[in-house]
Amino acid sequence: SDEEMEGSQFELLALRLEAMREAGTLPAYLIDTPTPSELSSFDETGVAQFILENISGEDIVVLGGAGMSTSAGIPDFRSP
């Protein structure tokens, strides 16, 4: 099936990446970077504190999705 084929392709890719990692030939953009600490709170203060403590000299991109505005009280397009 297609799912089995996709699964085996992912397994093969994982094996290739691990071999490259062990050989020291993994490109820099694929090397795992340390995961920064978690947010202390999910409000603007927690986000600002996280940025100040963990991010320097980088662009910041924020992606929002469905439910972000509705939780702030802005009605969605389906509401009457």
PDB file of N, CA and C in Angstrom:
ATOM      1  N   SER A   1       0.840  -1.185   0.000  1.00  0.00           N
ATOM      2  CA  SER A   1       0.000   0.000   0.000  1.00  0.00           C
ATOM      3  C   SER A   1       0.887   1.252   0.000  1.00  0.00           C
ATOM      4  N   ASP A   2       0.264   2.385  -0.302  1.00  0.00           N
ATOM      5  CA  ASP A   2       0.994   3.652  -0.333  1.00  0.00           C
ATOM      6  C   ASP A   2       1.552   4.004   1.039  1.00  0.00           C
ATOM      7  N   GLU A   3       0.781   3.728   2.101  1.00  0.00           N
ATOM      8  CA  GLU A   3       1.241   4.041   3.446  1.00  0.00           C
ATOM      9  C   GLU A   3       2.472   3.226   3.815  1.00  0.00           C
ATOM     10  N   GLU A   4       2.498   1.944   3.434  1.00  0.00           N
ATOM     11  CA  GLU A   4       3.663   1.108   3.727  1.00  0.00           C
ATOM     12  C   GLU A   4       4.878   1.606   2.960  1.00  0.00           C
ATOM     13  N   MET A   5       4.651   2.031   1.722  1.00  0.00           N
ATOM     14  CA  MET A   5       5.747   2.536   0.899  1.00  0.00           C
ATOM     15  C   MET A   5       6.312   3.819   1.510  1.00  0.00           C
ATOM     16  N   GLU A   6       5.412   4.720   1.935  1.00  0.00           N
ATOM     17  CA  GLU A   6       5.856   5.957   2.566  1.00  0.00           C
ATOM     18  C   GLU A   6       6.619   5.651   3.844  1.00  0.00           C
ATOM     19  N   GLY A   7       6.130   4.699   4.644  1.00  0.00           N
ATOM     20  CA  GLY A   7       6.799   4.330   5.881  1.00  0.00           C
ATOM     21  C   GLY A   7       8.186   3.801   5.628  1.00  0.00           C
ATOM     22  N   SER A   8       8.347   2.950   4.624  1.00  0.00           N
ATOM     23  CA  SER A   8       9.667   2.395   4.329  1.00  0.00           C
ATOM     24  C   SER A   8      10.594   3.479   3.778  1.00  0.00           C
ATOM     25  N   GLN A   9      10.063   4.445   3.050  1.00  0.00           N
ATOM     26  CA  GLN A   9      10.879   5.549   2.556  1.00  0.00           C
ATOM     27  C   GLN A   9      11.380   6.406   3.715  1.00  0.00           C
ATOM     28  N   PHE A  10      10.526   6.630   4.708  1.00  0.00           N
ATOM     29  CA  PHE A  10      10.941   7.393   5.880  1.00  0.00           C
ATOM     30  C   PHE A  10      12.000   6.630   6.674  1.00  0.00           C
ATOM     31  N   GLU A  11      11.834   5.335   6.791  1.00  0.00           N
ATOM     32  CA  GLU A  11      12.829   4.526   7.498  1.00  0.00           C
ATOM     33  C   GLU A  11      14.178   4.580   6.779  1.00  0.00           C
ATOM     34  N   LEU A  12      14.162   4.483   5.455  1.00  0.00           N
ATOM     35  CA  LEU A  12      15.390   4.562   4.670  1.00  0.00           C
ATOM     36  C   LEU A  12      16.046   5.927   4.827  1.00  0.00           C
ATOM     37  N   LEU A  13      15.252   6.982   4.786  1.00  0.00           N
ATOM     38  CA  LEU A  13      15.778   8.325   4.979  1.00  0.00           C
ATOM     39  C   LEU A  13      16.403   8.463   6.373  1.00  0.00           C
ATOM     40  N   ALA A  14      15.726   7.946   7.391  1.00  0.00           N
ATOM     41  CA  ALA A  14      16.257   8.011   8.756  1.00  0.00           C
ATOM     42  C   ALA A  14      17.591   7.282   8.852  1.00  0.00           C
ATOM     43  N   LEU A  15      17.706   6.133   8.209  1.00  0.00           N
ATOM     44  CA  LEU A  15      18.961   5.376   8.226  1.00  0.00           C
ATOM     45  C   LEU A  15      20.081   6.151   7.522  1.00  0.00           C
ATOM     46  N   ARG A  16      19.761   6.774   6.401  1.00  0.00           N
ATOM     47  CA  ARG A  16      20.760   7.562   5.669  1.00  0.00           C
ATOM     48  C   ARG A  16      21.223   8.762   6.491  1.00  0.00           C
ATOM     49  N   LEU A  17      20.274   9.449   7.112  1.00  0.00           N
ATOM     50  CA  LEU A  17      20.630  10.605   7.935  1.00  0.00           C
ATOM     51  C   LEU A  17      21.488  10.194   9.122  1.00  0.00           C
ATOM     52  N   GLU A  18      21.168   9.078   9.754  1.00  0.00           N
ATOM     53  CA  GLU A  18      21.967   8.602  10.887  1.00  0.00           C
ATOM     54  C   GLU A  18      23.381   8.245  10.439  1.00  0.00           C
ATOM     55  N   ALA A  19      23.509   7.619   9.270  1.00  0.00           N
ATOM     56  CA  ALA A  19      24.834   7.280   8.741  1.00  0.00           C
ATOM     57  C   ALA A  19      25.641   8.549   8.470  1.00  0.00           C
ATOM     58  N   MET A  20      24.997   9.564   7.911  1.00  0.00           N
ATOM     59  CA  MET A  20      25.679  10.834   7.659  1.00  0.00           C
ATOM     60  C   MET A  20      26.081  11.508   8.971  1.00  0.00           C
ATOM     61  N   ARG A  21      25.198  11.424   9.974  1.00  0.00           N
ATOM     62  CA  ARG A  21      25.509  12.018  11.273  1.00  0.00           C
ATOM     63  C   ARG A  21      26.730  11.340  11.888  1.00  0.00           C
ATOM     64  N   GLU A  22      26.762  10.012  11.846  1.00  0.00           N
ATOM     65  CA  GLU A  22      27.882   9.255  12.412  1.00  0.00           C
ATOM     66  C   GLU A  22      29.181   9.524  11.656  1.00  0.00           C
ATOM     67  N   ALA A  23      29.088   9.752  10.351  1.00  0.00           N
ATOM     68  CA  ALA A  23      30.283  10.010   9.543  1.00  0.00           C
ATOM     69  C   ALA A  23      30.729  11.474   9.621  1.00  0.00           C
ATOM     70  N   GLY A  24      29.909  12.321  10.239  1.00  0.00           N
ATOM     71  CA  GLY A  24      30.246  13.733  10.334  1.00  0.00           C
ATOM     72  C   GLY A  24      30.033  14.496   9.050  1.00  0.00           C
ATOM     73  N   THR A  25      29.210  13.970   8.164  1.00  0.00           N
ATOM     74  CA  THR A  25      28.972  14.614   6.872  1.00  0.00           C
ATOM     75  C   THR A  25      27.574  15.219   6.755  1.00  0.00           C
ATOM     76  N   LEU A  26      26.867  15.283   7.867  1.00  0.00           N
ATOM     77  CA  LEU A  26      25.515  15.840   7.856  1.00  0.00           C
ATOM     78  C   LEU A  26      25.605  17.359   7.684  1.00  0.00           C
ATOM     79  N   PRO A  27      24.894  17.939   6.708  1.00  0.00           N
ATOM     80  CA  PRO A  27      24.949  19.388   6.509  1.00  0.00           C
ATOM     81  C   PRO A  27      24.518  20.137   7.777  1.00  0.00           C
ATOM     82  N   ALA A  28      25.108  21.304   7.983  1.00  0.00           N
ATOM     83  CA  ALA A  28      24.857  22.081   9.195  1.00  0.00           C
ATOM     84  C   ALA A  28      23.372  22.368   9.408  1.00  0.00           C
ATOM     85  N   TYR A  29      22.619  22.610   8.322  1.00  0.00           N
ATOM     86  CA  TYR A  29      21.204  22.947   8.477  1.00  0.00           C
ATOM     87  C   TYR A  29      20.346  21.760   8.911  1.00  0.00           C
ATOM     88  N   LEU A  30      20.917  20.553   8.906  1.00  0.00           N
ATOM     89  CA  LEU A  30      20.172  19.378   9.364  1.00  0.00           C
ATOM     90  C   LEU A  30      20.590  18.918  10.760  1.00  0.00           C
ATOM     91  N   ILE A  31      21.567  19.575  11.331  1.00  0.00           N
ATOM     92  CA  ILE A  31      22.029  19.178  12.656  1.00  0.00           C
ATOM     93  C   ILE A  31      21.044  19.688  13.689  1.00  0.00           C
ATOM     94  N   ASP A  32      20.677  18.818  14.612  1.00  0.00           N
ATOM     95  CA  ASP A  32      19.733  19.200  15.658  1.00  0.00           C
ATOM     96  C   ASP A  32      20.333  20.304  16.514  1.00  0.00           C
ATOM     97  N   THR A  33      19.518  21.311  16.766  1.00  0.00           N
ATOM     98  CA  THR A  33      19.948  22.387  17.650  1.00  0.00           C
ATOM     99  C   THR A  33      19.293  22.173  19.003  1.00  0.00           C
ATOM    100  N   PRO A  34      19.898  22.665  20.069  1.00  0.00           N
ATOM    101  CA  PRO A  34      19.280  22.502  21.384  1.00  0.00           C
ATOM    102  C   PRO A  34      17.903  23.141  21.410  1.00  0.00           C
ATOM    103  N   THR A  35      16.983  22.490  22.055  1.00  0.00           N
ATOM    104  CA  THR A  35      15.633  23.017  22.182  1.00  0.00           C
ATOM    105  C   THR A  35      15.609  24.062  23.289  1.00  0.00           C
ATOM    106  N   PRO A  36      15.149  25.269  22.980  1.00  0.00           N
ATOM    107  CA  PRO A  36      15.099  26.285  24.024  1.00  0.00           C
ATOM    108  C   PRO A  36      14.077  25.917  25.095  1.00  0.00           C
ATOM    109  N   SER A  37      14.193  26.569  26.225  1.00  0.00           N
ATOM    110  CA  SER A  37      13.268  26.297  27.317  1.00  0.00           C
ATOM    111  C   SER A  37      11.849  26.655  26.913  1.00  0.00           C
ATOM    112  N   GLU A  38      10.908  26.183  27.689  1.00  0.00           N
ATOM    113  CA  GLU A  38       9.502  26.428  27.393  1.00  0.00           C
ATOM    114  C   GLU A  38       9.078  27.802  27.893  1.00  0.00           C
ATOM    115  N   LEU A  39       7.928  28.244  27.413  1.00  0.00           N
ATOM    116  CA  LEU A  39       7.384  29.522  27.853  1.00  0.00           C
ATOM    117  C   LEU A  39       7.005  29.443  29.327  1.00  0.00           C
ATOM    118  N   SER A  40       7.257  30.520  30.059  1.00  0.00           N
ATOM    119  CA  SER A  40       6.851  30.558  31.472  1.00  0.00           C
ATOM    120  C   SER A  40       5.346  30.786  31.586  1.00  0.00           C
ATOM    121  N   SER A  41       4.759  31.466  30.587  1.00  0.00           N
ATOM    122  CA  SER A  41       3.315  31.660  30.524  1.00  0.00           C
ATOM    123  C   SER A  41       2.942  31.907  29.065  1.00  0.00           C
ATOM    124  N   PHE A  42       1.680  31.731  28.742  1.00  0.00           N
ATOM    125  CA  PHE A  42       1.239  31.852  27.359  1.00  0.00           C
ATOM    126  C   PHE A  42       0.625  33.226  27.057  1.00  0.00           C
ATOM    127  N   ASP A  43       0.996  34.234  27.811  1.00  0.00           N
ATOM    128  CA  ASP A  43       0.545  35.591  27.526  1.00  0.00           C
ATOM    129  C   ASP A  43       1.707  36.394  26.948  1.00  0.00           C
ATOM    130  N   GLU A  44       1.461  37.685  26.673  1.00  0.00           N
ATOM    131  CA  GLU A  44       2.508  38.491  26.044  1.00  0.00           C
ATOM    132  C   GLU A  44       3.755  38.609  26.916  1.00  0.00           C
ATOM    133  N   THR A  45       3.602  38.576  28.224  1.00  0.00           N
ATOM    134  CA  THR A  45       4.760  38.657  29.116  1.00  0.00           C
ATOM    135  C   THR A  45       5.634  37.409  28.978  1.00  0.00           C
ATOM    136  N   GLY A  46       5.002  36.233  28.948  1.00  0.00           N
ATOM    137  CA  GLY A  46       5.758  34.991  28.806  1.00  0.00           C
ATOM    138  C   GLY A  46       6.468  34.897  27.475  1.00  0.00           C
ATOM    139  N   VAL A  47       5.791  35.333  26.413  1.00  0.00           N
ATOM    140  CA  VAL A  47       6.404  35.302  25.078  1.00  0.00           C
ATOM    141  C   VAL A  47       7.565  36.288  25.012  1.00  0.00           C
ATOM    142  N   ALA A  48       7.376  37.502  25.542  1.00  0.00           N
ATOM    143  CA  ALA A  48       8.450  38.500  25.531  1.00  0.00           C
ATOM    144  C   ALA A  48       9.650  38.020  26.342  1.00  0.00           C
ATOM    145  N   GLN A  49       9.396  37.414  27.495  1.00  0.00           N
ATOM    146  CA  GLN A  49      10.487  36.906  28.328  1.00  0.00           C
ATOM    147  C   GLN A  49      11.250  35.810  27.594  1.00  0.00           C
ATOM    148  N   PHE A  50      10.530  34.914  26.926  1.00  0.00           N
ATOM    149  CA  PHE A  50      11.162  33.843  26.171  1.00  0.00           C
ATOM    150  C   PHE A  50      12.060  34.411  25.070  1.00  0.00           C
ATOM    151  N   ILE A  51      11.553  35.402  24.333  1.00  0.00           N
ATOM    152  CA  ILE A  51      12.330  36.000  23.243  1.00  0.00           C
ATOM    153  C   ILE A  51      13.593  36.661  23.792  1.00  0.00           C
ATOM    154  N   LEU A  52      13.449  37.417  24.854  1.00  0.00           N
ATOM    155  CA  LEU A  52      14.611  38.102  25.436  1.00  0.00           C
ATOM    156  C   LEU A  52      15.672  37.123  25.934  1.00  0.00           C
ATOM    157  N   GLU A  53      15.253  35.993  26.486  1.00  0.00           N
ATOM    158  CA  GLU A  53      16.192  35.039  27.075  1.00  0.00           C
ATOM    159  C   GLU A  53      16.767  34.039  26.068  1.00  0.00           C
ATOM    160  N   ASN A  54      16.074  33.785  24.960  1.00  0.00           N
ATOM    161  CA  ASN A  54      16.473  32.688  24.080  1.00  0.00           C
ATOM    162  C   ASN A  54      16.797  33.066  22.649  1.00  0.00           C
ATOM    163  N   ILE A  55      16.412  34.243  22.202  1.00  0.00           N
ATOM    164  CA  ILE A  55      16.575  34.579  20.794  1.00  0.00           C
ATOM    165  C   ILE A  55      17.330  35.895  20.694  1.00  0.00           C
ATOM    166  N   SER A  56      18.424  35.879  19.935  1.00  0.00           N
ATOM    167  CA  SER A  56      19.166  37.121  19.748  1.00  0.00           C
ATOM    168  C   SER A  56      19.565  37.264  18.290  1.00  0.00           C
ATOM    169  N   GLY A  57      19.280  38.425  17.732  1.00  0.00           N
ATOM    170  CA  GLY A  57      19.704  38.728  16.381  1.00  0.00           C
ATOM    171  C   GLY A  57      19.057  37.887  15.295  1.00  0.00           C
ATOM    172  N   GLU A  58      17.901  37.324  15.555  1.00  0.00           N
ATOM    173  CA  GLU A  58      17.227  36.494  14.559  1.00  0.00           C
ATOM    174  C   GLU A  58      15.856  37.088  14.251  1.00  0.00           C
ATOM    175  N   ASP A  59      15.371  36.795  13.076  1.00  0.00           N
ATOM    176  CA  ASP A  59      14.007  37.181  12.740  1.00  0.00           C
ATOM    177  C   ASP A  59      13.056  36.248  13.467  1.00  0.00           C
ATOM    178  N   ILE A  60      11.908  36.766  13.832  1.00  0.00           N
ATOM    179  CA  ILE A  60      10.906  35.968  14.520  1.00  0.00           C
ATOM    180  C   ILE A  60       9.688  35.859  13.621  1.00  0.00           C
ATOM    181  N   VAL A  61       9.198  34.651  13.442  1.00  0.00           N
ATOM    182  CA  VAL A  61       8.007  34.409  12.648  1.00  0.00           C
ATOM    183  C   VAL A  61       6.962  33.788  13.561  1.00  0.00           C
ATOM    184  N   VAL A  62       5.764  34.341  13.553  1.00  0.00           N
ATOM    185  CA  VAL A  62       4.673  33.815  14.364  1.00  0.00           C
ATOM    186  C   VAL A  62       3.593  33.328  13.416  1.00  0.00           C
ATOM    187  N   LEU A  63       3.204  32.082  13.566  1.00  0.00           N
ATOM    188  CA  LEU A  63       2.134  31.515  12.747  1.00  0.00           C
ATOM    189  C   LEU A  63       0.904  31.335  13.625  1.00  0.00           C
ATOM    190  N   GLY A  64      -0.200  31.823  13.167  1.00  0.00           N
ATOM    191  CA  GLY A  64      -1.456  31.653  13.889  1.00  0.00           C
ATOM    192  C   GLY A  64      -2.412  30.833  13.055  1.00  0.00           C
ATOM    193  N   GLY A  65      -3.283  30.156  13.725  1.00  0.00           N
ATOM    194  CA  GLY A  65      -4.217  29.313  12.999  1.00  0.00           C
ATOM    195  C   GLY A  65      -5.636  29.501  13.493  1.00  0.00           C
ATOM    196  N   ALA A  66      -6.483  28.617  13.038  1.00  0.00           N
ATOM    197  CA  ALA A  66      -7.891  28.662  13.406  1.00  0.00           C
ATOM    198  C   ALA A  66      -8.036  28.620  14.922  1.00  0.00           C
ATOM    199  N   GLY A  67      -8.897  29.462  15.438  1.00  0.00           N
ATOM    200  CA  GLY A  67      -9.154  29.476  16.868  1.00  0.00           C
ATOM    201  C   GLY A  67      -8.392  30.552  17.608  1.00  0.00           C
ATOM    202  N   MET A  68      -7.346  31.084  16.998  1.00  0.00           N
ATOM    203  CA  MET A  68      -6.553  32.108  17.680  1.00  0.00           C
ATOM    204  C   MET A  68      -7.371  33.375  17.898  1.00  0.00           C
ATOM    205  N   SER A  69      -8.057  33.816  16.874  1.00  0.00           N
ATOM    206  CA  SER A  69      -8.841  35.039  17.017  1.00  0.00           C
ATOM    207  C   SER A  69     -10.138  34.786  17.785  1.00  0.00           C
ATOM    208  N   THR A  70     -10.746  33.626  17.598  1.00  0.00           N
ATOM    209  CA  THR A  70     -12.009  33.361  18.291  1.00  0.00           C
ATOM    210  C   THR A  70     -11.811  33.286  19.798  1.00  0.00           C
ATOM    211  N   SER A  71     -10.659  32.783  20.244  1.00  0.00           N
ATOM    212  CA  SER A  71     -10.412  32.733  21.685  1.00  0.00           C
ATOM    213  C   SER A  71     -10.207  34.131  22.253  1.00  0.00           C
ATOM    214  N   ALA A  72      -9.898  35.102  21.379  1.00  0.00           N
ATOM    215  CA  ALA A  72      -9.736  36.496  21.796  1.00  0.00           C
ATOM    216  C   ALA A  72     -11.052  37.263  21.696  1.00  0.00           C
ATOM    217  N   GLY A  73     -12.128  36.558  21.305  1.00  0.00           N
ATOM    218  CA  GLY A  73     -13.438  37.193  21.231  1.00  0.00           C
ATOM    219  C   GLY A  73     -13.821  37.719  19.866  1.00  0.00           C
ATOM    220  N   ILE A  74     -12.998  37.478  18.857  1.00  0.00           N
ATOM    221  CA  ILE A  74     -13.314  37.915  17.497  1.00  0.00           C
ATOM    222  C   ILE A  74     -14.124  36.807  16.827  1.00  0.00           C
ATOM    223  N   PRO A  75     -15.339  37.096  16.361  1.00  0.00           N
ATOM    224  CA  PRO A  75     -16.157  36.034  15.767  1.00  0.00           C
ATOM    225  C   PRO A  75     -15.559  35.478  14.476  1.00  0.00           C
ATOM    226  N   ASP A  76     -15.768  34.192  14.245  1.00  0.00           N
ATOM    227  CA  ASP A  76     -15.284  33.596  13.001  1.00  0.00           C
ATOM    228  C   ASP A  76     -16.276  33.895  11.879  1.00  0.00           C
ATOM    229  N   PHE A  77     -15.880  33.569  10.650  1.00  0.00           N
ATOM    230  CA  PHE A  77     -16.720  33.892   9.498  1.00  0.00           C
ATOM    231  C   PHE A  77     -18.002  33.085   9.445  1.00  0.00           C
ATOM    232  N   ARG A  78     -18.094  31.998  10.229  1.00  0.00           N
ATOM    233  CA  ARG A  78     -19.289  31.158  10.220  1.00  0.00           C
ATOM    234  C   ARG A  78     -20.320  31.610  11.243  1.00  0.00           C
ATOM    235  N   SER A  79     -19.906  32.484  12.157  1.00  0.00           N
ATOM    236  CA  SER A  79     -20.831  32.947  13.203  1.00  0.00           C
ATOM    237  C   SER A  79     -21.862  33.890  12.609  1.00  0.00           C
ATOM    238  N   PRO A  80     -23.087  33.821  13.124  1.00  0.00           N
ATOM    239  CA  PRO A  80     -24.124  34.745  12.605  1.00  0.00           C
ATOM    240  C   PRO A  80     -23.867  36.174  13.008  1.00  0.00           C
TER     241      PRO A  80
END
